[in-house]
């Protein structure tokens, strides 16, 4: 027809996009130098690193199962051995068998290995790395999740979206955004929750204070900008961060989960050396600018 021929003539004169800038689909590789630093991979240990699969946690905020088994738990010497362990259905994440060696395990996830009767929870240490914290089988039956979004779905059903990409329908009406819920992994239901308010214990999951644990002392609301949360740790050190970085882990000074070594207290290099029994001499150079 006339309209079709007109559009064909017009389309032939349109400039073509630069082929080098056109999308080519999802990326499937990850160079080792571009891998997250908290994986602590050797720079000369190879060219590539295992690229995490799409899952509940972001690429730079997760730990693939192959690295967990090989570099942390030392159950495998190579990536091939770690893959064989996973493919033989020996590893469970949050109570479900995962056969993907690059499955992204993240903060608060429960990793269990029934063959060795071991259960671990992924938490952060004060240096921004994942601490593979050993827990009991009873504690491994639940996890803590932060409420990212609360909404009303189809047919007027209330629901909440959690920090590990779960969606829970018909939550308690008192649960709001930024609260923390205690999620039962066996029943798939919320059994308890902690309100986002002053006096509760929280940990920092991003930013410069990553891994630190303290009690919320003040919540500053800035309309049009970020809400700032002030915390104080067990030794009296105060620090502040944005509210999206704060993850509540308990009421008052008691945590709902067991804490890793260090209890989230950030120490200086000298304090760490003194606790390790290492003596460090500090030289005080005279100021040459003073007369």
Protein backbone atom coordinates (compact mmCIF):
# COMPACT_ATOMS: atom_id res chain seq x y z
CA UNK A 1 0.00 0.00 0.00
CA UNK A 2 0.93 3.67 -0.21
CA UNK A 3 1.52 4.05 3.57
CA UNK A 4 3.77 0.98 3.70
CA UNK A 5 5.88 2.16 0.75
CA UNK A 6 6.17 5.61 2.37
CA UNK A 7 7.51 4.21 5.63
CA UNK A 8 9.89 1.93 3.76
CA UNK A 9 11.33 4.92 1.88
CA UNK A 10 11.69 6.89 5.12
CA UNK A 11 13.31 4.00 7.00
CA UNK A 12 16.00 3.56 4.36
CA UNK A 13 17.30 7.06 5.07
CA UNK A 14 17.52 6.61 8.86
CA UNK A 15 21.10 6.55 10.21
CA UNK A 16 22.30 3.17 11.47
CA UNK A 17 23.36 2.75 15.08
CA UNK A 18 27.01 2.15 15.86
CA UNK A 19 27.36 -1.67 15.82
CA UNK A 20 30.08 -1.58 18.47
CA UNK A 21 27.69 0.05 20.97
CA UNK A 22 24.72 -2.23 20.42
CA UNK A 23 23.73 -4.57 23.28
CA UNK A 24 24.89 -8.15 22.94
CA UNK A 25 22.94 -9.81 25.72
CA UNK A 26 23.90 -10.59 29.32
CA UNK A 27 27.55 -10.79 30.30
CA UNK A 28 28.74 -14.30 31.06
CA UNK A 29 32.34 -13.74 32.18
CA UNK A 30 34.10 -11.88 34.98
CA UNK A 31 37.78 -10.96 34.97
CA UNK A 32 39.54 -11.64 38.23
CA UNK A 33 40.78 -8.06 38.56
CA UNK A 34 37.20 -6.83 38.31
CA UNK A 35 35.90 -9.26 40.94
CA UNK A 36 34.81 -7.79 44.31
CA UNK A 37 37.77 -7.22 46.61
CA UNK A 38 36.06 -8.93 49.55
CA UNK A 39 36.32 -12.24 47.67
CA UNK A 40 40.10 -11.93 48.30
CA UNK A 41 41.12 -13.70 45.11
CA UNK A 42 44.83 -13.77 44.26
CA UNK A 43 45.68 -11.35 41.49
CA UNK A 44 47.96 -13.86 39.76
CA UNK A 45 45.79 -16.90 40.44
CA UNK A 46 44.20 -16.85 37.00
CA UNK A 47 42.52 -14.62 34.46
CA UNK A 48 38.85 -15.15 35.26
CA UNK A 49 36.67 -15.44 38.36
CA UNK A 50 33.34 -17.24 38.74
CA UNK A 51 30.63 -14.81 37.70
CA UNK A 52 27.65 -15.13 40.06
CA UNK A 53 24.38 -16.25 38.54
CA UNK A 54 21.30 -14.08 38.68
CA UNK A 55 19.73 -14.54 42.06
CA UNK A 56 18.55 -12.89 45.28
CA UNK A 57 21.75 -10.90 45.86
CA UNK A 58 23.70 -8.45 43.72
CA UNK A 59 26.95 -9.45 42.06
CA UNK A 60 29.11 -7.23 44.28
CA UNK A 61 27.19 -8.12 47.46
CA UNK A 62 27.33 -11.92 47.28
CA UNK A 63 29.70 -14.87 47.55
CA UNK A 64 29.42 -17.66 44.93
CA UNK A 65 29.23 -21.19 46.32
CA UNK A 66 32.40 -22.24 44.48
CA UNK A 67 34.43 -19.55 46.25
CA UNK A 68 32.75 -20.39 49.54
CA UNK A 69 33.75 -24.05 49.27
CA UNK A 70 37.22 -23.54 47.79
CA UNK A 71 38.59 -20.31 49.29
CA UNK A 72 36.75 -20.12 52.61
CA UNK A 73 35.89 -23.59 53.86
CA UNK A 74 38.82 -25.30 52.03
CA UNK A 75 36.64 -28.27 51.07
CA UNK A 76 37.94 -28.11 47.49
CA UNK A 77 41.31 -27.37 45.94
CA UNK A 78 40.05 -26.32 42.52
CA UNK A 79 36.91 -24.91 40.98
CA UNK A 80 36.21 -28.28 39.38
CA UNK A 81 36.18 -30.00 42.78
CA UNK A 82 33.86 -27.33 44.18
CA UNK A 83 31.55 -27.87 41.20
CA UNK A 84 31.48 -31.63 41.87
CA UNK A 85 30.55 -31.04 45.52
CA UNK A 86 27.67 -28.79 44.52
CA UNK A 87 26.43 -31.05 41.72
CA UNK A 88 26.27 -34.02 44.10
CA UNK A 89 23.64 -32.05 46.09
CA UNK A 90 25.72 -31.61 49.24
CA UNK A 91 25.10 -27.88 49.73
CA UNK A 92 21.87 -26.26 50.88
CA UNK A 93 21.17 -22.53 50.96
CA UNK A 94 18.24 -21.48 53.16
CA UNK A 95 17.14 -25.11 53.36
CA UNK A 96 17.07 -25.72 49.59
CA UNK A 97 19.60 -27.77 47.63
CA UNK A 98 21.53 -25.59 45.18
CA UNK A 99 23.37 -27.29 42.32
CA UNK A 100 24.66 -24.10 40.68
CA UNK A 101 28.35 -23.55 41.58
CA UNK A 102 27.95 -19.84 40.96
CA UNK A 103 24.76 -19.43 43.01
CA UNK A 104 25.00 -16.08 44.87
CA UNK A 105 24.85 -16.56 48.62
CA UNK A 106 24.57 -13.29 50.50
CA UNK A 107 24.07 -11.53 53.81
CA UNK A 108 22.10 -13.53 56.41
CA UNK A 109 21.87 -16.61 54.16
CA UNK A 110 22.10 -19.98 55.91
CA UNK A 111 24.45 -22.44 54.17
CA UNK A 112 24.25 -26.01 55.43
CA UNK A 113 26.24 -29.12 54.50
CA UNK A 114 24.37 -32.21 55.82
CA UNK A 115 27.27 -34.58 55.02
CA UNK A 116 29.49 -32.85 57.59
CA UNK A 117 26.61 -31.76 59.86
CA UNK A 118 27.66 -28.12 59.60
CA UNK A 119 25.61 -24.94 59.32
CA UNK A 120 26.93 -21.48 58.57
CA UNK A 121 25.46 -17.99 58.38
CA UNK A 122 26.97 -15.33 56.13
CA UNK A 123 27.59 -12.12 58.06
CA UNK A 124 29.91 -9.15 57.57
CA UNK A 125 33.05 -8.45 59.57
CA UNK A 126 34.28 -4.92 60.24
CA UNK A 127 36.65 -5.08 57.25
CA UNK A 128 33.79 -5.49 54.78
CA UNK A 129 34.33 -9.20 54.14
CA UNK A 130 31.92 -12.09 54.56
CA UNK A 131 32.42 -13.90 57.84
CA UNK A 132 31.44 -17.57 57.52
CA UNK A 133 29.90 -17.80 60.98
CA UNK A 134 29.30 -21.31 62.29
CA UNK A 135 25.89 -21.74 63.96
CA UNK A 136 23.79 -24.52 65.41
CA UNK A 137 21.25 -26.46 63.38
CA UNK A 138 18.47 -24.95 65.51
CA UNK A 139 19.57 -21.40 64.67
CA UNK A 140 19.84 -22.38 61.02
CA UNK A 141 16.08 -22.81 60.82
CA UNK A 142 15.47 -19.06 60.53
CA UNK A 143 17.02 -15.93 59.07
CA UNK A 144 16.54 -12.19 59.36
CA UNK A 145 15.33 -10.12 56.41
CA UNK A 146 14.85 -6.39 56.00
CA UNK A 147 11.59 -5.08 54.56
CA UNK A 148 12.45 -3.24 51.35
CA UNK A 149 8.93 -2.45 50.19
CA UNK A 150 5.36 -2.83 51.39
CA UNK A 151 2.53 -2.83 48.88
CA UNK A 152 -0.94 -4.06 48.06
CA UNK A 153 -1.04 -6.61 45.24
CA UNK A 154 -3.76 -8.02 43.05
CA UNK A 155 -7.19 -8.43 44.59
CA UNK A 156 -6.17 -6.18 47.47
CA UNK A 157 -3.72 -8.66 49.00
CA UNK A 158 -1.11 -6.92 51.23
CA UNK A 159 2.49 -8.06 50.77
CA UNK A 160 6.05 -7.14 51.68
CA UNK A 161 9.24 -7.50 49.64
CA UNK A 162 12.24 -8.62 51.69
CA UNK A 163 15.96 -8.04 51.29
CA UNK A 164 16.58 -11.54 49.89
CA UNK A 165 14.01 -11.05 47.09
CA UNK A 166 11.24 -12.91 48.87
CA UNK A 167 7.64 -11.75 48.73
CA UNK A 168 5.46 -12.59 51.72
CA UNK A 169 1.69 -12.19 51.51
CA UNK A 170 -0.59 -11.20 54.38
CA UNK A 171 2.09 -9.87 56.76
CA UNK A 172 1.38 -8.35 60.15
CA UNK A 173 -0.18 -4.89 59.60
CA UNK A 174 2.40 -3.39 61.98
CA UNK A 175 5.31 -4.36 59.72
CA UNK A 176 6.57 -1.34 57.79
CA UNK A 177 9.47 -0.51 55.46
CA UNK A 178 12.95 -0.72 57.10
CA UNK A 179 11.69 -3.12 59.79
CA UNK A 180 13.39 -6.48 60.18
CA UNK A 181 11.44 -9.75 60.15
CA UNK A 182 12.39 -13.16 61.49
CA UNK A 183 11.64 -15.57 58.67
CA UNK A 184 11.11 -19.28 59.35
CA UNK A 185 12.82 -21.26 56.57
CA UNK A 186 10.84 -24.46 57.22
CA UNK A 187 7.35 -22.95 57.12
CA UNK A 188 8.08 -19.92 54.92
CA UNK A 189 6.31 -17.57 57.30
CA UNK A 190 7.21 -14.51 59.37
CA UNK A 191 7.32 -15.45 63.06
CA UNK A 192 8.61 -12.18 64.58
CA UNK A 193 9.67 -8.66 63.63
CA UNK A 194 11.69 -5.73 64.99
CA UNK A 195 10.61 -2.14 64.46
CA UNK A 196 12.97 0.45 62.98
CA UNK A 197 13.26 2.73 66.00
CA UNK A 198 15.70 4.13 68.54
CA UNK A 199 17.07 1.66 71.08
CA UNK A 200 17.27 -1.44 68.88
CA UNK A 201 20.46 -3.19 67.78
CA UNK A 202 21.51 -2.91 64.14
CA UNK A 203 24.39 -3.67 61.81
CA UNK A 204 25.63 -1.73 58.80
CA UNK A 205 25.47 -3.55 55.45
CA UNK A 206 27.08 -0.97 53.16
CA UNK A 207 29.31 2.07 53.20
CA UNK A 208 32.39 2.98 55.18
CA UNK A 209 31.06 1.45 58.42
CA UNK A 210 30.25 -1.91 56.81
CA UNK A 211 30.07 -4.69 59.37
CA UNK A 212 29.88 -2.52 62.47
CA UNK A 213 27.22 -3.32 65.06
CA UNK A 214 25.63 -0.88 67.47
CA UNK A 215 22.45 0.42 69.06
CA UNK A 216 20.43 3.05 67.23
CA UNK A 217 20.66 6.31 69.21
CA UNK A 218 19.13 8.81 66.79
CA UNK A 219 17.26 8.91 63.49
CA UNK A 220 17.57 12.15 61.53
CA UNK A 221 15.00 12.66 58.79
CA UNK A 222 15.94 15.01 55.96
CA UNK A 223 13.03 15.56 53.54
CA UNK A 224 14.28 15.31 49.99
CA UNK A 225 17.51 13.64 51.06
CA UNK A 226 18.72 10.56 52.94
CA UNK A 227 17.65 9.71 56.47
CA UNK A 228 20.75 9.56 58.69
CA UNK A 229 20.94 6.96 61.46
CA UNK A 230 23.32 7.37 64.41
CA UNK A 231 24.56 4.28 66.25
CA UNK A 232 26.79 3.52 69.22
CA UNK A 233 28.72 0.25 69.55
CA UNK A 234 29.46 -1.79 72.68
CA UNK A 235 32.64 0.16 73.56
CA UNK A 236 31.03 3.57 73.20
CA UNK A 237 32.19 4.56 69.72
CA UNK A 238 29.57 6.50 67.75
CA UNK A 239 29.11 6.45 63.99
CA UNK A 240 26.45 7.39 61.47
CA UNK A 241 25.26 6.12 58.09
CA UNK A 242 22.31 6.32 55.72
CA UNK A 243 19.14 4.46 56.62
CA UNK A 244 19.25 2.07 53.60
CA UNK A 245 22.55 0.76 55.01
CA UNK A 246 21.09 -0.10 58.43
CA UNK A 247 19.86 -3.63 59.14
CA UNK A 248 18.20 -4.28 62.51
CA UNK A 249 19.28 -7.52 64.19
CA UNK A 250 17.70 -7.36 67.64
CA UNK A 251 15.72 -5.57 70.31
CA UNK A 252 17.63 -3.46 72.78
CA UNK A 253 21.11 -4.88 73.30
CA UNK A 254 20.19 -8.52 72.59
CA UNK A 255 20.59 -9.84 69.05
CA UNK A 256 18.24 -12.37 67.48
CA UNK A 257 21.19 -14.15 65.84
CA UNK A 258 24.61 -15.10 67.16
CA UNK A 259 27.32 -12.62 66.22
CA UNK A 260 30.69 -13.42 64.61
CA UNK A 261 34.09 -12.94 66.20
CA UNK A 262 34.70 -9.33 67.17
CA UNK A 263 30.99 -8.60 67.81
CA UNK A 264 31.01 -5.88 65.15
CA UNK A 265 33.46 -3.62 67.03
CA UNK A 266 35.85 -1.85 64.70
CA UNK A 267 39.37 -1.57 66.10
CA UNK A 268 42.45 0.30 64.94
CA UNK A 269 45.61 -1.41 63.74
CA UNK A 270 47.32 -0.82 67.10
CA UNK A 271 44.36 -2.25 69.02
CA UNK A 272 44.29 -5.35 66.84
CA UNK A 273 48.03 -5.83 67.33
CA UNK A 274 47.71 -5.51 71.11
CA UNK A 275 44.89 -8.06 71.19
CA UNK A 276 47.03 -10.42 69.12
CA UNK A 277 49.99 -9.94 71.48
CA UNK A 278 52.17 -8.26 68.88
CA UNK A 279 54.28 -5.31 70.02
CA UNK A 280 54.49 -2.40 67.58
CA UNK A 281 56.86 0.48 68.18
CA UNK A 282 55.65 3.85 67.00
CA UNK A 283 58.39 6.38 66.20
CA UNK A 284 57.63 10.01 66.99
CA UNK A 285 59.59 12.22 64.65
CA UNK A 286 60.27 15.78 65.81
CA UNK A 287 58.44 18.43 63.85
CA UNK A 288 61.07 20.18 61.77
CA UNK A 289 58.80 23.14 61.08
CA UNK A 290 58.77 24.22 64.71
CA UNK A 291 61.56 26.49 65.95
